[in-house]
Amino acid sequence: MFVDLSFFAVAEGHAEDYEAAFAPIVARAAEAPGCLSSELVRLTEEGRYCWVERWVSREAHLEFNEFLFGELLPGIPQLNDIVTRLVERDAEGMLVR
């Protein structure tokens, strides 16, 4: 099983906007072939989130990412103004149990 963790910082006062705009992305991932789960987690750090995705394989995840970056995200331009992806905190790996 492949796991992908993506971390985000949301501009102050925009948590509700971010959650509403990102919810359809999380849902679309959950419906994608090969996705086992897709969840957005509000961290205890103020304005920080983690998107936790579990996939049957890295290849299935990469296939969804083509759709995500090619079609989904360009259709939600308001996200660019309220959220920053914290690339240095992102992680991916394999489930060990």
C-alpha atoms as a PDB file:
ATOM      1  CA  MET A   1       0.000   0.000   0.000  1.00  0.00           C
ATOM      2  CA  PHE A   2       1.311   3.448  -0.942  1.00  0.00           C
ATOM      3  CA  VAL A   3       0.735   6.457   1.356  1.00  0.00           C
ATOM      4  CA  ASP A   4       1.105  10.111   0.392  1.00  0.00           C
ATOM      5  CA  LEU A   5       1.125  12.998   2.892  1.00  0.00           C
ATOM      6  CA  SER A   6       0.775  16.576   1.638  1.00  0.00           C
ATOM      7  CA  PHE A   7       1.011  19.499   4.053  1.00  0.00           C
ATOM      8  CA  PHE A   8      -0.544  22.934   3.621  1.00  0.00           C
ATOM      9  CA  ALA A   9      -0.469  26.331   5.331  1.00  0.00           C
ATOM     10  CA  VAL A  10      -3.685  28.339   5.040  1.00  0.00           C
ATOM     11  CA  ALA A  11      -3.793  32.121   5.260  1.00  0.00           C
ATOM     12  CA  GLU A  12      -5.222  33.453   8.500  1.00  0.00           C
ATOM     13  CA  GLY A  13      -8.993  33.716   8.448  1.00  0.00           C
ATOM     14  CA  HIS A  14      -9.411  31.413   5.437  1.00  0.00           C
ATOM     15  CA  ALA A  15      -9.696  27.964   7.030  1.00  0.00           C
ATOM     16  CA  GLU A  16     -13.375  27.575   6.149  1.00  0.00           C
ATOM     17  CA  ASP A  17     -12.770  28.757   2.580  1.00  0.00           C
ATOM     18  CA  TYR A  18      -9.918  26.292   2.178  1.00  0.00           C
ATOM     19  CA  GLU A  19     -11.849  23.371   3.635  1.00  0.00           C
ATOM     20  CA  ALA A  20     -14.822  24.080   1.349  1.00  0.00           C
ATOM     21  CA  ALA A  21     -12.666  24.481  -1.777  1.00  0.00           C
ATOM     22  CA  PHE A  22     -10.464  21.455  -1.073  1.00  0.00           C
ATOM     23  CA  ALA A  23     -13.272  19.068  -0.034  1.00  0.00           C
ATOM     24  CA  PRO A  24     -14.202  18.171  -3.652  1.00  0.00           C
ATOM     25  CA  ILE A  25     -10.562  17.308  -4.374  1.00  0.00           C
ATOM     26  CA  VAL A  26     -10.394  14.984  -1.386  1.00  0.00           C
ATOM     27  CA  ALA A  27     -13.674  13.384  -2.477  1.00  0.00           C
ATOM     28  CA  ARG A  28     -12.545  12.942  -6.106  1.00  0.00           C
ATOM     29  CA  ALA A  29      -9.365  11.224  -4.933  1.00  0.00           C
ATOM     30  CA  ALA A  30     -11.411   8.865  -2.752  1.00  0.00           C
ATOM     31  CA  GLU A  31     -13.446   7.886  -5.838  1.00  0.00           C
ATOM     32  CA  ALA A  32     -10.394   7.399  -8.091  1.00  0.00           C
ATOM     33  CA  PRO A  33      -9.354   3.918  -9.200  1.00  0.00           C
ATOM     34  CA  GLY A  34      -6.811   2.531  -6.767  1.00  0.00           C
ATOM     35  CA  CYS A  35      -7.532   4.968  -3.935  1.00  0.00           C
ATOM     36  CA  LEU A  36      -8.150   3.265  -0.604  1.00  0.00           C
ATOM     37  CA  SER A  37      -8.763   6.460   1.384  1.00  0.00           C
ATOM     38  CA  SER A  38      -8.427  10.222   1.098  1.00  0.00           C
ATOM     39  CA  GLU A  39      -8.749  12.482   4.143  1.00  0.00           C
ATOM     40  CA  LEU A  40      -7.995  16.095   4.972  1.00  0.00           C
ATOM     41  CA  VAL A  41      -6.714  16.498   8.527  1.00  0.00           C
ATOM     42  CA  ARG A  42      -6.706  19.846  10.369  1.00  0.00           C
ATOM     43  CA  LEU A  43      -3.498  19.791  12.403  1.00  0.00           C
ATOM     44  CA  THR A  44      -3.105  21.265  15.869  1.00  0.00           C
ATOM     45  CA  GLU A  45      -0.710  23.819  14.369  1.00  0.00           C
ATOM     46  CA  GLU A  46      -2.687  26.972  13.560  1.00  0.00           C
ATOM     47  CA  GLY A  47      -3.631  27.112   9.886  1.00  0.00           C
ATOM     48  CA  ARG A  48      -1.949  23.809   9.001  1.00  0.00           C
ATOM     49  CA  TYR A  49      -3.482  20.814   7.235  1.00  0.00           C
ATOM     50  CA  CYS A  50      -2.356  17.408   6.018  1.00  0.00           C
ATOM     51  CA  TRP A  51      -3.966  15.525   3.139  1.00  0.00           C
ATOM     52  CA  VAL A  52      -3.546  11.807   3.814  1.00  0.00           C
ATOM     53  CA  GLU A  53      -4.011   9.518   0.826  1.00  0.00           C
ATOM     54  CA  ARG A  54      -3.723   5.720   0.751  1.00  0.00           C
ATOM     55  CA  TRP A  55      -3.376   3.995  -2.613  1.00  0.00           C
ATOM     56  CA  VAL A  56      -2.983   0.448  -3.843  1.00  0.00           C
ATOM     57  CA  SER A  57       0.192   1.555  -5.631  1.00  0.00           C
ATOM     58  CA  ARG A  58       2.356   4.573  -6.359  1.00  0.00           C
ATOM     59  CA  GLU A  59       1.357   4.247 -10.009  1.00  0.00           C
ATOM     60  CA  ALA A  60      -2.349   4.672  -9.154  1.00  0.00           C
ATOM     61  CA  HIS A  61      -1.474   7.762  -7.145  1.00  0.00           C
ATOM     62  CA  LEU A  62       0.597   9.232  -9.974  1.00  0.00           C
ATOM     63  CA  GLU A  63      -2.240   8.624 -12.425  1.00  0.00           C
ATOM     64  CA  PHE A  64      -4.622  10.565 -10.176  1.00  0.00           C
ATOM     65  CA  ASN A  65      -2.040  13.348  -9.790  1.00  0.00           C
ATOM     66  CA  GLU A  66      -2.068  13.868 -13.565  1.00  0.00           C
ATOM     67  CA  PHE A  67      -5.813  14.521 -13.314  1.00  0.00           C
ATOM     68  CA  LEU A  68      -5.373  16.600 -10.141  1.00  0.00           C
ATOM     69  CA  PHE A  69      -2.753  18.962 -11.543  1.00  0.00           C
ATOM     70  CA  GLY A  70      -4.035  18.918 -15.116  1.00  0.00           C
ATOM     71  CA  GLU A  71      -7.760  19.419 -14.522  1.00  0.00           C
ATOM     72  CA  LEU A  72      -8.926  19.757 -10.916  1.00  0.00           C
ATOM     73  CA  LEU A  73      -6.593  22.389  -9.465  1.00  0.00           C
ATOM     74  CA  PRO A  74      -6.681  24.724 -12.484  1.00  0.00           C
ATOM     75  CA  GLY A  75     -10.476  24.846 -12.002  1.00  0.00           C
ATOM     76  CA  ILE A  76     -10.121  26.180  -8.443  1.00  0.00           C
ATOM     77  CA  PRO A  77      -7.918  29.293  -8.836  1.00  0.00           C
ATOM     78  CA  GLN A  78      -9.053  30.776  -5.495  1.00  0.00           C
ATOM     79  CA  LEU A  79      -6.879  28.208  -3.717  1.00  0.00           C
ATOM     80  CA  ASN A  80      -3.762  29.991  -4.988  1.00  0.00           C
ATOM     81  CA  ASP A  81      -4.603  33.035  -2.862  1.00  0.00           C
ATOM     82  CA  ILE A  82      -5.275  31.267   0.426  1.00  0.00           C
ATOM     83  CA  VAL A  83      -3.030  28.202   0.670  1.00  0.00           C
ATOM     84  CA  THR A  84       0.621  27.249   0.314  1.00  0.00           C
ATOM     85  CA  ARG A  85       1.746  23.666  -0.070  1.00  0.00           C
ATOM     86  CA  LEU A  86       4.577  22.968   2.364  1.00  0.00           C
ATOM     87  CA  VAL A  87       6.648  20.844  -0.001  1.00  0.00           C
ATOM     88  CA  GLU A  88       9.527  20.429   2.456  1.00  0.00           C
ATOM     89  CA  ARG A  89       7.112  18.608   4.807  1.00  0.00           C
ATOM     90  CA  ASP A  90       5.485  16.369   2.204  1.00  0.00           C
ATOM     91  CA  ALA A  91       6.204  12.669   2.497  1.00  0.00           C
ATOM     92  CA  GLU A  92       5.371   9.400   0.832  1.00  0.00           C
ATOM     93  CA  GLY A  93       6.027   5.820   1.763  1.00  0.00           C
ATOM     94  CA  MET A  94       4.783   2.298   2.119  1.00  0.00           C
ATOM     95  CA  LEU A  95       2.573   0.966   4.904  1.00  0.00           C
ATOM     96  CA  VAL A  96       4.529  -1.461   7.076  1.00  0.00           C
ATOM     97  CA  ARG A  97       1.670  -3.171   8.898  1.00  0.00           C
END
